Amino acid sequence: MAAHATDENTPVGEIAKPNTAWIWRTFFILVGITAVEFVFVFLMDPSTFRNSIFIVLTILKAFFIVAEFMHLKHETKGLIWTILVPMALLVWLLVALVTEGSYVGEVLQNMFK
């Protein structure tokens, strides 16, 4: 049997307590945003305004998760902008395509009436 190598000079001390305060703060912020989403979704009548609020809050929550748990907020500003600008352009593209697609759909629907 192999003996474990031990060094008599290795300091033995207490393990530092984990810093979980930021995790709980993040948890309560995300719970708050989710509660606001539920209030808007279940108490407002279905409309484009309600859906817009829900989408904005969902994107806000996604950005907060990326900043906290993927440590994006601790990176350099250049890297943050390199990630956020293409994401914003993709969201803009998605909105433009949905808007244009609904317009084309309405035109085609009215054309065949």
N, C-alpha and C. Protein backbone atom coordinates (compact mmCIF):
# COMPACT_ATOMS: atom_id res chain seq x y z
N MET A 1 0.84 -1.17 0.00
CA MET A 1 0.00 0.00 0.00
C MET A 1 0.88 1.23 0.00
N ALA A 2 0.48 2.20 -0.77
CA ALA A 2 1.25 3.44 -0.84
C ALA A 2 0.84 4.35 0.29
N ALA A 3 1.82 4.92 0.92
CA ALA A 3 1.55 5.86 2.01
C ALA A 3 1.32 7.24 1.41
N HIS A 4 0.42 7.98 2.00
CA HIS A 4 0.16 9.33 1.54
C HIS A 4 1.30 10.23 1.96
N ALA A 5 1.76 11.03 1.03
CA ALA A 5 2.84 11.96 1.34
C ALA A 5 2.27 13.15 2.08
N THR A 6 2.80 13.43 3.23
CA THR A 6 2.37 14.59 4.00
C THR A 6 3.56 15.47 4.26
N ASP A 7 3.31 16.73 4.29
CA ASP A 7 4.37 17.70 4.57
C ASP A 7 4.07 18.32 5.92
N GLU A 8 5.00 18.24 6.78
CA GLU A 8 4.81 18.76 8.14
C GLU A 8 4.72 20.28 8.15
N ASN A 9 5.21 20.94 7.09
CA ASN A 9 5.21 22.40 7.06
C ASN A 9 3.93 22.97 6.46
N THR A 10 3.03 22.14 6.00
CA THR A 10 1.78 22.62 5.41
C THR A 10 0.89 23.20 6.51
N PRO A 11 0.49 24.48 6.36
CA PRO A 11 -0.36 25.06 7.40
C PRO A 11 -1.77 24.47 7.35
N VAL A 12 -2.27 24.16 8.50
CA VAL A 12 -3.62 23.62 8.60
C VAL A 12 -4.46 24.67 9.30
N GLY A 13 -5.50 25.10 8.64
CA GLY A 13 -6.34 26.14 9.22
C GLY A 13 -7.79 25.88 8.85
N GLU A 14 -8.60 26.80 9.22
CA GLU A 14 -10.02 26.68 8.93
C GLU A 14 -10.28 27.03 7.46
N ILE A 15 -11.26 26.39 6.92
CA ILE A 15 -11.69 26.71 5.57
C ILE A 15 -12.59 27.94 5.67
N ALA A 16 -12.34 28.90 4.79
CA ALA A 16 -13.14 30.13 4.82
C ALA A 16 -14.60 29.82 4.50
N LYS A 17 -15.48 30.54 5.19
CA LYS A 17 -16.91 30.36 4.94
C LYS A 17 -17.24 30.90 3.56
N PRO A 18 -18.11 30.22 2.83
CA PRO A 18 -18.45 30.70 1.49
C PRO A 18 -19.25 32.00 1.56
N ASN A 19 -18.98 32.86 0.59
CA ASN A 19 -19.69 34.13 0.51
C ASN A 19 -20.95 33.91 -0.33
N THR A 20 -22.05 33.62 0.33
CA THR A 20 -23.29 33.32 -0.38
C THR A 20 -24.25 34.51 -0.43
N ALA A 21 -23.82 35.64 0.11
CA ALA A 21 -24.72 36.80 0.14
C ALA A 21 -25.10 37.25 -1.27
N TRP A 22 -24.15 37.24 -2.21
CA TRP A 22 -24.46 37.70 -3.57
C TRP A 22 -25.40 36.72 -4.27
N ILE A 23 -25.32 35.45 -3.91
CA ILE A 23 -26.24 34.47 -4.52
C ILE A 23 -27.66 34.73 -4.04
N TRP A 24 -27.83 35.00 -2.75
CA TRP A 24 -29.16 35.28 -2.23
C TRP A 24 -29.71 36.60 -2.77
N ARG A 25 -28.84 37.61 -2.92
CA ARG A 25 -29.28 38.88 -3.49
C ARG A 25 -29.76 38.67 -4.92
N THR A 26 -28.99 37.92 -5.69
CA THR A 26 -29.37 37.61 -7.07
C THR A 26 -30.68 36.82 -7.10
N PHE A 27 -30.82 35.87 -6.20
CA PHE A 27 -32.04 35.07 -6.13
C PHE A 27 -33.26 35.95 -5.89
N PHE A 28 -33.16 36.87 -4.93
CA PHE A 28 -34.32 37.70 -4.62
C PHE A 28 -34.62 38.71 -5.73
N ILE A 29 -33.60 39.19 -6.42
CA ILE A 29 -33.84 40.07 -7.56
C ILE A 29 -34.56 39.31 -8.67
N LEU A 30 -34.12 38.09 -8.96
CA LEU A 30 -34.77 37.29 -9.99
C LEU A 30 -36.19 36.90 -9.59
N VAL A 31 -36.41 36.62 -8.31
CA VAL A 31 -37.77 36.32 -7.84
C VAL A 31 -38.65 37.55 -8.00
N GLY A 32 -38.11 38.74 -7.70
CA GLY A 32 -38.88 39.97 -7.86
C GLY A 32 -39.27 40.23 -9.31
N ILE A 33 -38.31 40.05 -10.23
CA ILE A 33 -38.61 40.25 -11.65
C ILE A 33 -39.65 39.24 -12.12
N THR A 34 -39.51 37.99 -11.66
CA THR A 34 -40.48 36.95 -12.04
C THR A 34 -41.86 37.26 -11.48
N ALA A 35 -41.94 37.78 -10.26
CA ALA A 35 -43.24 38.14 -9.68
C ALA A 35 -43.89 39.26 -10.48
N VAL A 36 -43.10 40.25 -10.90
CA VAL A 36 -43.64 41.33 -11.72
C VAL A 36 -44.14 40.78 -13.06
N GLU A 37 -43.39 39.84 -13.64
CA GLU A 37 -43.84 39.19 -14.88
C GLU A 37 -45.19 38.51 -14.68
N PHE A 38 -45.33 37.76 -13.58
CA PHE A 38 -46.59 37.08 -13.32
C PHE A 38 -47.72 38.07 -13.14
N VAL A 39 -47.47 39.18 -12.48
CA VAL A 39 -48.51 40.19 -12.29
C VAL A 39 -48.99 40.72 -13.64
N PHE A 40 -48.04 41.05 -14.52
CA PHE A 40 -48.43 41.58 -15.83
C PHE A 40 -49.13 40.52 -16.68
N VAL A 41 -48.65 39.30 -16.63
CA VAL A 41 -49.22 38.26 -17.50
C VAL A 41 -50.62 37.87 -17.06
N PHE A 42 -50.84 37.73 -15.76
CA PHE A 42 -52.12 37.21 -15.30
C PHE A 42 -53.16 38.28 -14.99
N LEU A 43 -52.75 39.52 -14.81
CA LEU A 43 -53.72 40.55 -14.46
C LEU A 43 -54.09 41.48 -15.60
N MET A 44 -53.27 41.53 -16.66
CA MET A 44 -53.58 42.39 -17.79
C MET A 44 -54.28 41.59 -18.88
N ASP A 45 -55.10 42.29 -19.65
CA ASP A 45 -55.73 41.64 -20.79
C ASP A 45 -54.67 41.37 -21.87
N PRO A 46 -54.85 40.29 -22.61
CA PRO A 46 -53.87 40.00 -23.67
C PRO A 46 -53.82 41.13 -24.69
N SER A 47 -52.64 41.67 -24.87
CA SER A 47 -52.46 42.74 -25.85
C SER A 47 -50.99 42.80 -26.22
N THR A 48 -50.70 43.61 -27.20
CA THR A 48 -49.31 43.78 -27.62
C THR A 48 -48.51 44.46 -26.53
N PHE A 49 -49.11 45.40 -25.81
CA PHE A 49 -48.42 46.10 -24.73
C PHE A 49 -48.02 45.13 -23.62
N ARG A 50 -48.93 44.24 -23.23
CA ARG A 50 -48.63 43.25 -22.20
C ARG A 50 -47.52 42.33 -22.64
N ASN A 51 -47.58 41.88 -23.88
CA ASN A 51 -46.54 40.99 -24.40
C ASN A 51 -45.20 41.71 -24.47
N SER A 52 -45.21 42.99 -24.83
CA SER A 52 -43.98 43.76 -24.89
C SER A 52 -43.35 43.89 -23.50
N ILE A 53 -44.17 44.17 -22.50
CA ILE A 53 -43.65 44.26 -21.13
C ILE A 53 -43.06 42.92 -20.70
N PHE A 54 -43.75 41.84 -21.00
CA PHE A 54 -43.28 40.51 -20.62
C PHE A 54 -41.96 40.18 -21.31
N ILE A 55 -41.83 40.51 -22.57
CA ILE A 55 -40.60 40.23 -23.32
C ILE A 55 -39.45 41.07 -22.77
N VAL A 56 -39.69 42.34 -22.47
CA VAL A 56 -38.64 43.21 -21.94
C VAL A 56 -38.17 42.70 -20.57
N LEU A 57 -39.11 42.30 -19.71
CA LEU A 57 -38.72 41.79 -18.40
C LEU A 57 -37.97 40.46 -18.52
N THR A 58 -38.35 39.63 -19.46
CA THR A 58 -37.65 38.36 -19.67
C THR A 58 -36.23 38.60 -20.17
N ILE A 59 -36.06 39.54 -21.08
CA ILE A 59 -34.71 39.86 -21.57
C ILE A 59 -33.88 40.48 -20.45
N LEU A 60 -34.49 41.34 -19.63
CA LEU A 60 -33.78 41.91 -18.48
C LEU A 60 -33.31 40.81 -17.54
N LYS A 61 -34.17 39.85 -17.28
CA LYS A 61 -33.80 38.74 -16.41
C LYS A 61 -32.68 37.90 -17.03
N ALA A 62 -32.74 37.68 -18.32
CA ALA A 62 -31.68 36.91 -19.00
C ALA A 62 -30.34 37.65 -18.92
N PHE A 63 -30.35 38.96 -19.15
CA PHE A 63 -29.10 39.74 -19.05
C PHE A 63 -28.56 39.71 -17.62
N PHE A 64 -29.44 39.76 -16.63
CA PHE A 64 -28.99 39.72 -15.24
C PHE A 64 -28.37 38.36 -14.90
N ILE A 65 -28.97 37.30 -15.41
CA ILE A 65 -28.42 35.96 -15.18
C ILE A 65 -27.05 35.83 -15.83
N VAL A 66 -26.93 36.33 -17.05
CA VAL A 66 -25.64 36.26 -17.74
C VAL A 66 -24.60 37.10 -17.00
N ALA A 67 -24.98 38.26 -16.51
CA ALA A 67 -24.03 39.13 -15.81
C ALA A 67 -23.57 38.51 -14.49
N GLU A 68 -24.49 37.91 -13.75
CA GLU A 68 -24.14 37.38 -12.44
C GLU A 68 -23.50 36.00 -12.51
N PHE A 69 -24.17 35.06 -13.15
CA PHE A 69 -23.73 33.67 -13.07
C PHE A 69 -22.69 33.31 -14.12
N MET A 70 -22.64 34.06 -15.22
CA MET A 70 -21.60 33.81 -16.21
C MET A 70 -20.49 34.85 -16.07
N HIS A 71 -20.55 35.66 -15.01
CA HIS A 71 -19.51 36.61 -14.63
C HIS A 71 -19.19 37.63 -15.72
N LEU A 72 -20.17 38.00 -16.53
CA LEU A 72 -19.93 38.97 -17.58
C LEU A 72 -19.67 40.36 -17.00
N LYS A 73 -20.27 40.68 -15.87
CA LYS A 73 -20.09 42.02 -15.33
C LYS A 73 -18.68 42.25 -14.80
N HIS A 74 -17.91 41.18 -14.62
CA HIS A 74 -16.54 41.31 -14.14
C HIS A 74 -15.52 41.37 -15.28
N GLU A 75 -15.99 41.33 -16.51
CA GLU A 75 -15.08 41.36 -17.66
C GLU A 75 -14.81 42.80 -18.07
N THR A 76 -13.91 42.96 -19.03
CA THR A 76 -13.60 44.30 -19.53
C THR A 76 -14.78 44.84 -20.34
N LYS A 77 -14.84 46.14 -20.44
CA LYS A 77 -15.95 46.78 -21.16
C LYS A 77 -15.97 46.38 -22.64
N GLY A 78 -14.79 46.21 -23.23
CA GLY A 78 -14.73 45.81 -24.63
C GLY A 78 -15.39 44.47 -24.88
N LEU A 79 -15.15 43.50 -24.00
CA LEU A 79 -15.77 42.18 -24.15
C LEU A 79 -17.27 42.26 -23.93
N ILE A 80 -17.68 43.05 -22.96
CA ILE A 80 -19.12 43.21 -22.70
C ILE A 80 -19.82 43.77 -23.93
N TRP A 81 -19.24 44.83 -24.54
CA TRP A 81 -19.86 45.42 -25.73
C TRP A 81 -19.80 44.46 -26.92
N THR A 82 -18.74 43.65 -26.99
CA THR A 82 -18.63 42.67 -28.07
C THR A 82 -19.73 41.63 -27.99
N ILE A 83 -20.21 41.35 -26.81
CA ILE A 83 -21.30 40.38 -26.64
C ILE A 83 -22.66 41.05 -26.76
N LEU A 84 -22.81 42.24 -26.17
CA LEU A 84 -24.13 42.88 -26.12
C LEU A 84 -24.58 43.49 -27.45
N VAL A 85 -23.67 44.08 -28.20
CA VAL A 85 -24.06 44.73 -29.46
C VAL A 85 -24.62 43.72 -30.46
N PRO A 86 -23.93 42.60 -30.74
CA PRO A 86 -24.54 41.62 -31.65
C PRO A 86 -25.86 41.06 -31.13
N MET A 87 -25.97 40.88 -29.80
CA MET A 87 -27.23 40.38 -29.24
C MET A 87 -28.35 41.40 -29.46
N ALA A 88 -28.06 42.68 -29.26
CA ALA A 88 -29.07 43.71 -29.50
C ALA A 88 -29.47 43.76 -30.97
N LEU A 89 -28.50 43.59 -31.86
CA LEU A 89 -28.81 43.57 -33.29
C LEU A 89 -29.66 42.35 -33.66
N LEU A 90 -29.40 41.22 -33.02
CA LEU A 90 -30.22 40.03 -33.28
C LEU A 90 -31.65 40.22 -32.79
N VAL A 91 -31.81 40.86 -31.64
CA VAL A 91 -33.16 41.14 -31.13
C VAL A 91 -33.87 42.10 -32.07
N TRP A 92 -33.16 43.14 -32.53
CA TRP A 92 -33.75 44.07 -33.49
C TRP A 92 -34.15 43.35 -34.77
N LEU A 93 -33.29 42.45 -35.27
CA LEU A 93 -33.60 41.68 -36.47
C LEU A 93 -34.84 40.82 -36.26
N LEU A 94 -34.94 40.19 -35.09
CA LEU A 94 -36.11 39.36 -34.80
C LEU A 94 -37.39 40.19 -34.79
N VAL A 95 -37.35 41.36 -34.17
CA VAL A 95 -38.53 42.23 -34.14
C VAL A 95 -38.88 42.69 -35.56
N ALA A 96 -37.87 43.06 -36.35
CA ALA A 96 -38.13 43.50 -37.72
C ALA A 96 -38.72 42.38 -38.56
N LEU A 97 -38.20 41.17 -38.42
CA LEU A 97 -38.72 40.05 -39.21
C LEU A 97 -40.14 39.68 -38.80
N VAL A 98 -40.44 39.72 -37.52
CA VAL A 98 -41.81 39.41 -37.07
C VAL A 98 -42.77 40.47 -37.56
N THR A 99 -42.37 41.73 -37.48
CA THR A 99 -43.23 42.82 -37.94
C THR A 99 -43.47 42.72 -39.44
N GLU A 100 -42.40 42.52 -40.20
CA GLU A 100 -42.54 42.42 -41.65
C GLU A 100 -43.32 41.16 -42.04
N GLY A 101 -43.08 40.08 -41.33
CA GLY A 101 -43.80 38.84 -41.63
C GLY A 101 -45.29 38.97 -41.38
N SER A 102 -45.66 39.66 -40.32
CA SER A 102 -47.09 39.83 -40.05
C SER A 102 -47.72 40.74 -41.11
N TYR A 103 -46.98 41.74 -41.58
CA TYR A 103 -47.49 42.61 -42.64
C TYR A 103 -47.71 41.81 -43.93
N VAL A 104 -46.74 41.00 -44.31
CA VAL A 104 -46.86 40.19 -45.52
C VAL A 104 -48.02 39.21 -45.38
N GLY A 105 -48.17 38.64 -44.18
CA GLY A 105 -49.28 37.72 -43.94
C GLY A 105 -50.63 38.39 -44.10
N GLU A 106 -50.76 39.62 -43.59
CA GLU A 106 -52.02 40.35 -43.73
C GLU A 106 -52.29 40.70 -45.19
N VAL A 107 -51.27 41.09 -45.93
CA VAL A 107 -51.44 41.42 -47.35
C VAL A 107 -51.90 40.20 -48.13
N LEU A 108 -51.26 39.07 -47.89
CA LEU A 108 -51.65 37.85 -48.60
C LEU A 108 -53.05 37.39 -48.23
N GLN A 109 -53.40 37.55 -46.95
CA GLN A 109 -54.73 37.17 -46.50
C GLN A 109 -55.80 38.06 -47.16
N ASN A 110 -55.52 39.35 -47.25
CA ASN A 110 -56.49 40.26 -47.87
C ASN A 110 -56.54 40.09 -49.39
N MET A 111 -55.45 39.61 -49.97
CA MET A 111 -55.40 39.44 -51.41
C MET A 111 -56.33 38.32 -51.85
N PHE A 112 -56.45 37.29 -51.06
CA PHE A 112 -57.24 36.12 -51.46
C PHE A 112 -58.65 36.13 -50.86
N LYS A 113 -59.14 37.27 -50.39
CA LYS A 113 -60.51 37.35 -49.88
C LYS A 113 -61.48 37.60 -51.00
